[in-house]
Amino acid sequence: MITKLSHLCVYVLNQDSAYDFYVNKLGFAVHTDAPMGEGARWLTVTPPEQPELEITLFLVAEGGMFDKETVATMTSLIKKGTFGAAVFTCNDLMATYQELLAKGVVFKKVPTKEFYGYEALFLDDSGNWFSLAQVN
């Protein structure tokens, strides 16, 4: 029986800029940062109040996992903002929205009242989008 989710993968186009975005803009903590070879590394971050969930910032690059054609396709899709990777929650959406805006985070949807609470949508530095929600 499955008991929990421990890792979530977010495909990124540059691990250095993803590190900066997730740590310095979103305020996540680095859990693991270890070389994997071929210029990539095993880089995981955790939300401040959920250290048991590791978000793997997985580099989209030609090598062990991906061939050249796959990298080109994935890169194009990520840059287009195709992937909605997750929902993050906060206690005060307007304050968090203002804080992230001040740090340069790009939003594709401003805070809006929804049936479940309030939601905004933001992009990471690669183009993945996330929901930021304050639930009722």
N, C-alpha and C. Protein backbone atom coordinates (compact mmCIF):
# COMPACT_ATOMS: atom_id res chain seq x y z
N MET A 1 0.83 -1.18 0.00
CA MET A 1 0.00 0.00 0.00
C MET A 1 0.89 1.25 0.00
N ILE A 2 0.54 2.20 -0.83
CA ILE A 2 1.26 3.46 -0.88
C ILE A 2 0.89 4.26 0.36
N THR A 3 1.92 4.84 1.00
CA THR A 3 1.66 5.58 2.23
C THR A 3 1.86 7.09 2.11
N LYS A 4 2.70 7.54 1.19
CA LYS A 4 2.89 8.99 1.03
C LYS A 4 3.70 9.29 -0.23
N LEU A 5 3.73 10.54 -0.59
CA LEU A 5 4.55 11.04 -1.69
C LEU A 5 5.77 11.71 -1.07
N SER A 6 6.97 11.31 -1.48
CA SER A 6 8.17 11.90 -0.89
C SER A 6 8.89 12.87 -1.83
N HIS A 7 8.78 12.64 -3.16
CA HIS A 7 9.46 13.48 -4.14
C HIS A 7 8.49 13.83 -5.27
N LEU A 8 8.64 15.04 -5.76
CA LEU A 8 7.88 15.54 -6.89
C LEU A 8 8.90 16.12 -7.86
N CYS A 9 8.79 15.82 -9.13
CA CYS A 9 9.76 16.28 -10.12
C CYS A 9 9.22 17.48 -10.90
N VAL A 10 10.03 18.54 -10.94
CA VAL A 10 9.74 19.69 -11.78
C VAL A 10 10.90 19.80 -12.76
N TYR A 11 10.59 19.72 -14.05
CA TYR A 11 11.63 19.82 -15.08
C TYR A 11 12.04 21.27 -15.26
N VAL A 12 13.35 21.52 -15.19
CA VAL A 12 13.87 22.88 -15.31
C VAL A 12 14.88 22.95 -16.44
N LEU A 13 15.09 24.16 -16.95
CA LEU A 13 16.00 24.36 -18.08
C LEU A 13 17.40 24.75 -17.64
N ASN A 14 17.54 25.21 -16.40
CA ASN A 14 18.84 25.58 -15.86
C ASN A 14 18.79 25.41 -14.35
N GLN A 15 19.61 24.51 -13.81
CA GLN A 15 19.53 24.24 -12.38
C GLN A 15 20.05 25.39 -11.52
N ASP A 16 21.01 26.15 -12.01
CA ASP A 16 21.51 27.29 -11.23
C ASP A 16 20.42 28.35 -11.06
N SER A 17 19.73 28.69 -12.15
CA SER A 17 18.68 29.70 -12.03
C SER A 17 17.47 29.13 -11.28
N ALA A 18 17.19 27.84 -11.43
CA ALA A 18 16.10 27.22 -10.67
C ALA A 18 16.41 27.26 -9.17
N TYR A 19 17.66 26.98 -8.83
CA TYR A 19 18.10 27.07 -7.42
C TYR A 19 17.81 28.47 -6.90
N ASP A 20 18.23 29.48 -7.63
CA ASP A 20 18.02 30.86 -7.22
C ASP A 20 16.53 31.16 -7.06
N PHE A 21 15.72 30.74 -8.02
CA PHE A 21 14.29 31.02 -7.98
C PHE A 21 13.62 30.36 -6.78
N TYR A 22 13.82 29.06 -6.62
CA TYR A 22 13.11 28.33 -5.57
C TYR A 22 13.62 28.68 -4.17
N VAL A 23 14.91 28.95 -4.04
CA VAL A 23 15.47 29.25 -2.73
C VAL A 23 15.34 30.74 -2.40
N ASN A 24 15.78 31.61 -3.28
CA ASN A 24 15.83 33.03 -2.97
C ASN A 24 14.53 33.78 -3.22
N LYS A 25 13.69 33.30 -4.12
CA LYS A 25 12.42 33.98 -4.38
C LYS A 25 11.26 33.32 -3.63
N LEU A 26 11.19 31.98 -3.69
CA LEU A 26 10.08 31.30 -3.03
C LEU A 26 10.37 30.99 -1.56
N GLY A 27 11.64 31.01 -1.17
CA GLY A 27 11.99 30.77 0.23
C GLY A 27 12.07 29.30 0.61
N PHE A 28 12.24 28.43 -0.37
CA PHE A 28 12.37 27.00 -0.07
C PHE A 28 13.77 26.71 0.45
N ALA A 29 13.92 25.58 1.15
CA ALA A 29 15.21 25.15 1.67
C ALA A 29 15.79 24.08 0.76
N VAL A 30 17.10 24.11 0.59
CA VAL A 30 17.77 23.06 -0.18
C VAL A 30 17.87 21.82 0.71
N HIS A 31 17.41 20.71 0.20
CA HIS A 31 17.53 19.44 0.93
C HIS A 31 18.77 18.70 0.46
N THR A 32 18.91 18.55 -0.87
CA THR A 32 20.05 17.83 -1.44
C THR A 32 20.55 18.58 -2.66
N ASP A 33 21.86 18.69 -2.78
CA ASP A 33 22.50 19.27 -3.96
C ASP A 33 23.77 18.48 -4.19
N ALA A 34 23.66 17.45 -5.03
CA ALA A 34 24.77 16.52 -5.25
C ALA A 34 25.01 16.31 -6.74
N PRO A 35 26.28 16.25 -7.17
CA PRO A 35 26.57 16.03 -8.60
C PRO A 35 26.09 14.66 -9.06
N MET A 36 25.56 14.63 -10.29
CA MET A 36 25.10 13.37 -10.89
C MET A 36 25.91 13.01 -12.12
N GLY A 37 26.80 13.89 -12.56
CA GLY A 37 27.56 13.65 -13.77
C GLY A 37 26.91 14.33 -14.96
N GLU A 38 27.66 14.44 -16.04
CA GLU A 38 27.20 15.05 -17.29
C GLU A 38 26.70 16.48 -17.06
N GLY A 39 27.23 17.19 -16.04
CA GLY A 39 26.86 18.56 -15.79
C GLY A 39 25.57 18.76 -15.02
N ALA A 40 24.90 17.67 -14.68
CA ALA A 40 23.64 17.75 -13.93
C ALA A 40 23.91 17.43 -12.47
N ARG A 41 22.92 17.74 -11.66
CA ARG A 41 23.02 17.39 -10.25
C ARG A 41 21.65 17.01 -9.71
N TRP A 42 21.66 16.27 -8.62
CA TRP A 42 20.44 15.91 -7.92
C TRP A 42 20.16 17.06 -6.97
N LEU A 43 19.18 17.88 -7.35
CA LEU A 43 18.87 19.10 -6.61
C LEU A 43 17.44 19.02 -6.14
N THR A 44 17.26 18.98 -4.82
CA THR A 44 15.90 18.97 -4.27
C THR A 44 15.75 20.11 -3.26
N VAL A 45 14.55 20.67 -3.26
CA VAL A 45 14.20 21.74 -2.33
C VAL A 45 12.91 21.34 -1.61
N THR A 46 12.68 21.98 -0.47
CA THR A 46 11.47 21.68 0.30
C THR A 46 10.77 22.97 0.70
N PRO A 47 9.44 22.96 0.68
CA PRO A 47 8.70 24.12 1.19
C PRO A 47 9.01 24.28 2.69
N PRO A 48 9.02 25.51 3.18
CA PRO A 48 9.41 25.77 4.57
C PRO A 48 8.65 24.95 5.61
N GLU A 49 7.37 24.74 5.41
CA GLU A 49 6.58 24.03 6.41
C GLU A 49 6.26 22.59 6.01
N GLN A 50 6.97 22.08 4.98
CA GLN A 50 6.74 20.70 4.55
C GLN A 50 8.07 20.06 4.15
N PRO A 51 8.99 19.93 5.10
CA PRO A 51 10.33 19.42 4.77
C PRO A 51 10.37 17.96 4.32
N GLU A 52 9.30 17.24 4.54
CA GLU A 52 9.28 15.83 4.11
C GLU A 52 8.98 15.68 2.63
N LEU A 53 8.55 16.75 1.95
CA LEU A 53 8.29 16.70 0.51
C LEU A 53 9.45 17.35 -0.23
N GLU A 54 10.19 16.54 -0.97
CA GLU A 54 11.31 17.06 -1.74
C GLU A 54 10.86 17.30 -3.18
N ILE A 55 11.08 18.52 -3.65
CA ILE A 55 10.79 18.87 -5.04
C ILE A 55 12.11 18.76 -5.79
N THR A 56 12.18 17.82 -6.71
CA THR A 56 13.39 17.60 -7.48
C THR A 56 13.39 18.56 -8.66
N LEU A 57 14.39 19.42 -8.73
CA LEU A 57 14.55 20.35 -9.85
C LEU A 57 15.41 19.64 -10.88
N PHE A 58 14.75 18.92 -11.78
CA PHE A 58 15.42 17.98 -12.69
C PHE A 58 15.75 18.67 -14.01
N LEU A 59 17.01 18.67 -14.35
CA LEU A 59 17.49 19.33 -15.56
C LEU A 59 17.07 18.59 -16.82
N VAL A 60 16.48 19.32 -17.74
CA VAL A 60 16.16 18.76 -19.06
C VAL A 60 17.39 18.96 -19.92
N ALA A 61 18.12 17.86 -20.11
CA ALA A 61 19.37 17.92 -20.88
C ALA A 61 19.62 16.57 -21.53
N GLU A 62 20.28 16.62 -22.64
CA GLU A 62 20.63 15.40 -23.36
C GLU A 62 21.59 14.59 -22.51
N GLY A 63 21.35 13.30 -22.45
CA GLY A 63 22.21 12.43 -21.65
C GLY A 63 21.47 11.17 -21.25
N GLY A 64 21.66 10.78 -20.01
CA GLY A 64 21.12 9.53 -19.52
C GLY A 64 19.62 9.36 -19.66
N MET A 65 18.85 10.40 -19.39
CA MET A 65 17.39 10.29 -19.40
C MET A 65 16.75 10.68 -20.73
N PHE A 66 17.34 11.66 -21.42
CA PHE A 66 16.68 12.23 -22.58
C PHE A 66 17.59 12.27 -23.80
N ASP A 67 17.01 11.96 -24.96
CA ASP A 67 17.77 12.12 -26.20
C ASP A 67 17.56 13.55 -26.71
N LYS A 68 18.29 13.89 -27.77
CA LYS A 68 18.28 15.26 -28.30
C LYS A 68 16.88 15.71 -28.70
N GLU A 69 16.13 14.85 -29.37
CA GLU A 69 14.78 15.19 -29.82
C GLU A 69 13.84 15.45 -28.63
N THR A 70 13.95 14.61 -27.62
CA THR A 70 13.11 14.77 -26.43
C THR A 70 13.43 16.08 -25.72
N VAL A 71 14.72 16.40 -25.60
CA VAL A 71 15.12 17.65 -24.96
C VAL A 71 14.54 18.84 -25.72
N ALA A 72 14.62 18.82 -27.04
CA ALA A 72 14.08 19.92 -27.84
C ALA A 72 12.57 20.07 -27.63
N THR A 73 11.85 18.96 -27.62
CA THR A 73 10.40 18.99 -27.43
C THR A 73 10.04 19.49 -26.04
N MET A 74 10.68 18.92 -25.02
CA MET A 74 10.38 19.32 -23.64
C MET A 74 10.74 20.78 -23.39
N THR A 75 11.87 21.21 -23.91
CA THR A 75 12.29 22.61 -23.74
C THR A 75 11.26 23.55 -24.33
N SER A 76 10.80 23.24 -25.52
CA SER A 76 9.79 24.07 -26.17
C SER A 76 8.50 24.12 -25.35
N LEU A 77 8.06 22.96 -24.87
CA LEU A 77 6.82 22.90 -24.09
C LEU A 77 6.95 23.64 -22.76
N ILE A 78 8.08 23.49 -22.09
CA ILE A 78 8.29 24.18 -20.82
C ILE A 78 8.30 25.69 -21.03
N LYS A 79 9.04 26.15 -22.03
CA LYS A 79 9.12 27.59 -22.30
C LYS A 79 7.76 28.19 -22.66
N LYS A 80 6.88 27.39 -23.27
CA LYS A 80 5.54 27.87 -23.62
C LYS A 80 4.61 27.95 -22.41
N GLY A 81 5.06 27.45 -21.27
CA GLY A 81 4.21 27.47 -20.09
C GLY A 81 3.14 26.40 -20.13
N THR A 82 3.46 25.27 -20.73
CA THR A 82 2.51 24.19 -20.89
C THR A 82 2.18 23.47 -19.59
N PHE A 83 3.17 23.37 -18.71
CA PHE A 83 3.02 22.50 -17.54
C PHE A 83 2.63 23.25 -16.27
N GLY A 84 1.51 22.84 -15.70
CA GLY A 84 1.10 23.28 -14.38
C GLY A 84 1.53 22.21 -13.40
N ALA A 85 2.54 22.53 -12.62
CA ALA A 85 3.22 21.49 -11.86
C ALA A 85 2.60 21.18 -10.50
N ALA A 86 2.01 22.15 -9.82
CA ALA A 86 1.54 21.88 -8.46
C ALA A 86 0.70 23.05 -7.95
N VAL A 87 0.10 22.82 -6.79
CA VAL A 87 -0.61 23.86 -6.07
C VAL A 87 0.13 24.08 -4.75
N PHE A 88 0.56 25.31 -4.52
CA PHE A 88 1.15 25.69 -3.24
C PHE A 88 0.10 26.49 -2.48
N THR A 89 0.10 26.35 -1.15
CA THR A 89 -0.85 27.10 -0.35
C THR A 89 -0.10 28.07 0.57
N CYS A 90 -0.83 29.07 0.99
CA CYS A 90 -0.29 30.06 1.93
C CYS A 90 -1.42 30.52 2.83
N ASN A 91 -1.06 31.20 3.91
CA ASN A 91 -2.07 31.68 4.86
C ASN A 91 -2.69 33.00 4.46
N ASP A 92 -1.92 33.84 3.73
CA ASP A 92 -2.38 35.17 3.34
C ASP A 92 -1.96 35.40 1.89
N LEU A 93 -2.86 35.13 0.97
CA LEU A 93 -2.53 35.19 -0.45
C LEU A 93 -2.09 36.59 -0.88
N MET A 94 -2.78 37.62 -0.44
CA MET A 94 -2.42 38.97 -0.88
C MET A 94 -1.02 39.35 -0.40
N ALA A 95 -0.68 39.03 0.82
CA ALA A 95 0.65 39.36 1.35
C ALA A 95 1.72 38.55 0.61
N THR A 96 1.46 37.28 0.37
CA THR A 96 2.43 36.43 -0.33
C THR A 96 2.58 36.89 -1.77
N TYR A 97 1.48 37.23 -2.40
CA TYR A 97 1.50 37.75 -3.77
C TYR A 97 2.38 39.00 -3.85
N GLN A 98 2.17 39.95 -2.94
CA GLN A 98 2.96 41.19 -2.94
C GLN A 98 4.44 40.90 -2.68
N GLU A 99 4.72 39.99 -1.77
CA GLU A 99 6.10 39.62 -1.46
C GLU A 99 6.80 39.01 -2.67
N LEU A 100 6.11 38.10 -3.35
CA LEU A 100 6.71 37.44 -4.52
C LEU A 100 6.84 38.41 -5.70
N LEU A 101 5.86 39.28 -5.88
CA LEU A 101 5.97 40.31 -6.92
C LEU A 101 7.21 41.17 -6.70
N ALA A 102 7.45 41.56 -5.46
CA ALA A 102 8.61 42.40 -5.12
C ALA A 102 9.92 41.69 -5.40
N LYS A 103 9.89 40.36 -5.38
CA LYS A 103 11.10 39.56 -5.65
C LYS A 103 11.24 39.24 -7.14
N GLY A 104 10.31 39.73 -7.95
CA GLY A 104 10.40 39.53 -9.39
C GLY A 104 9.68 38.32 -9.94
N VAL A 105 8.86 37.67 -9.13
CA VAL A 105 8.11 36.51 -9.61
C VAL A 105 7.03 37.00 -10.57
N VAL A 106 6.89 36.30 -11.70
CA VAL A 106 5.92 36.67 -12.73
C VAL A 106 4.61 35.90 -12.50
N PHE A 107 3.52 36.65 -12.46
CA PHE A 107 2.21 36.03 -12.28
C PHE A 107 1.45 36.07 -13.59
N LYS A 108 0.77 34.97 -13.91
CA LYS A 108 -0.07 34.94 -15.10
C LYS A 108 -1.54 35.08 -14.75
N LYS A 109 -1.84 35.07 -13.44
CA LYS A 109 -3.19 35.33 -12.95
C LYS A 109 -3.07 36.00 -11.59
N VAL A 110 -3.66 37.16 -11.47
CA VAL A 110 -3.64 37.88 -10.19
C VAL A 110 -4.56 37.18 -9.20
N PRO A 111 -4.42 37.45 -7.91
CA PRO A 111 -5.31 36.82 -6.94
C PRO A 111 -6.78 37.05 -7.29
N THR A 112 -7.50 35.94 -7.30
CA THR A 112 -8.90 35.95 -7.70
C THR A 112 -9.70 35.07 -6.74
N LYS A 113 -10.91 35.49 -6.41
CA LYS A 113 -11.79 34.68 -5.58
C LYS A 113 -12.29 33.50 -6.41
N GLU A 114 -12.15 32.31 -5.87
CA GLU A 114 -12.63 31.08 -6.51
C GLU A 114 -13.55 30.36 -5.53
N PHE A 115 -14.20 29.31 -5.96
CA PHE A 115 -15.14 28.59 -5.10
C PHE A 115 -14.48 27.96 -3.88
N TYR A 116 -13.18 27.70 -3.95
CA TYR A 116 -12.44 27.03 -2.87
C TYR A 116 -11.62 27.99 -2.03
N GLY A 117 -11.59 29.26 -2.39
CA GLY A 117 -10.79 30.25 -1.68
C GLY A 117 -10.28 31.29 -2.66
N TYR A 118 -9.01 31.65 -2.54
CA TYR A 118 -8.38 32.62 -3.44
C TYR A 118 -7.21 31.96 -4.13
N GLU A 119 -6.96 32.36 -5.39
CA GLU A 119 -5.89 31.74 -6.16
C GLU A 119 -5.21 32.76 -7.05
N ALA A 120 -3.90 32.59 -7.21
CA ALA A 120 -3.10 33.31 -8.20
C ALA A 120 -2.26 32.25 -8.91
N LEU A 121 -1.80 32.54 -10.11
CA LEU A 121 -0.94 31.62 -10.85
C LEU A 121 0.37 32.32 -11.14
N PHE A 122 1.49 31.63 -10.88
CA PHE A 122 2.79 32.21 -11.17
C PHE A 122 3.66 31.25 -11.97
N LEU A 123 4.68 31.81 -12.58
CA LEU A 123 5.63 31.03 -13.39
C LEU A 123 6.96 30.93 -12.68
N ASP A 124 7.62 29.77 -12.81
CA ASP A 124 9.00 29.68 -12.32
C ASP A 124 9.92 30.21 -13.41
N ASP A 125 11.20 30.15 -13.19
CA ASP A 125 12.16 30.73 -14.14
C ASP A 125 12.28 29.93 -15.43
N SER A 126 11.77 28.70 -15.46
CA SER A 126 11.81 27.90 -16.69
C SER A 126 10.55 28.07 -17.52
N GLY A 127 9.43 28.41 -16.87
CA GLY A 127 8.16 28.57 -17.58
C GLY A 127 7.06 27.68 -17.03
N ASN A 128 7.38 26.81 -16.05
CA ASN A 128 6.35 26.00 -15.40
C ASN A 128 5.44 26.92 -14.60
N TRP A 129 4.15 26.61 -14.57
CA TRP A 129 3.24 27.44 -13.79
C TRP A 129 2.72 26.68 -12.59
N PHE A 130 2.41 27.45 -11.56
CA PHE A 130 1.94 26.91 -10.29
C PHE A 130 0.75 27.72 -9.81
N SER A 131 -0.13 27.05 -9.11
CA SER A 131 -1.22 27.73 -8.42
C SER A 131 -0.73 28.09 -7.03
N LEU A 132 -1.04 29.29 -6.59
CA LEU A 132 -0.78 29.73 -5.23
C LEU A 132 -2.16 30.00 -4.64
N ALA A 133 -2.52 29.26 -3.60
CA ALA A 133 -3.89 29.33 -3.10
C ALA A 133 -3.95 29.59 -1.61
N GLN A 134 -4.99 30.29 -1.25
CA GLN A 134 -5.40 30.44 0.15
C GLN A 134 -6.77 29.80 0.21
N VAL A 135 -6.85 28.65 0.84
CA VAL A 135 -8.13 27.92 0.85
C VAL A 135 -8.98 28.36 2.02
N ASN A 136 -10.31 28.23 1.83
CA ASN A 136 -11.27 28.63 2.88
C ASN A 136 -11.08 27.79 4.11
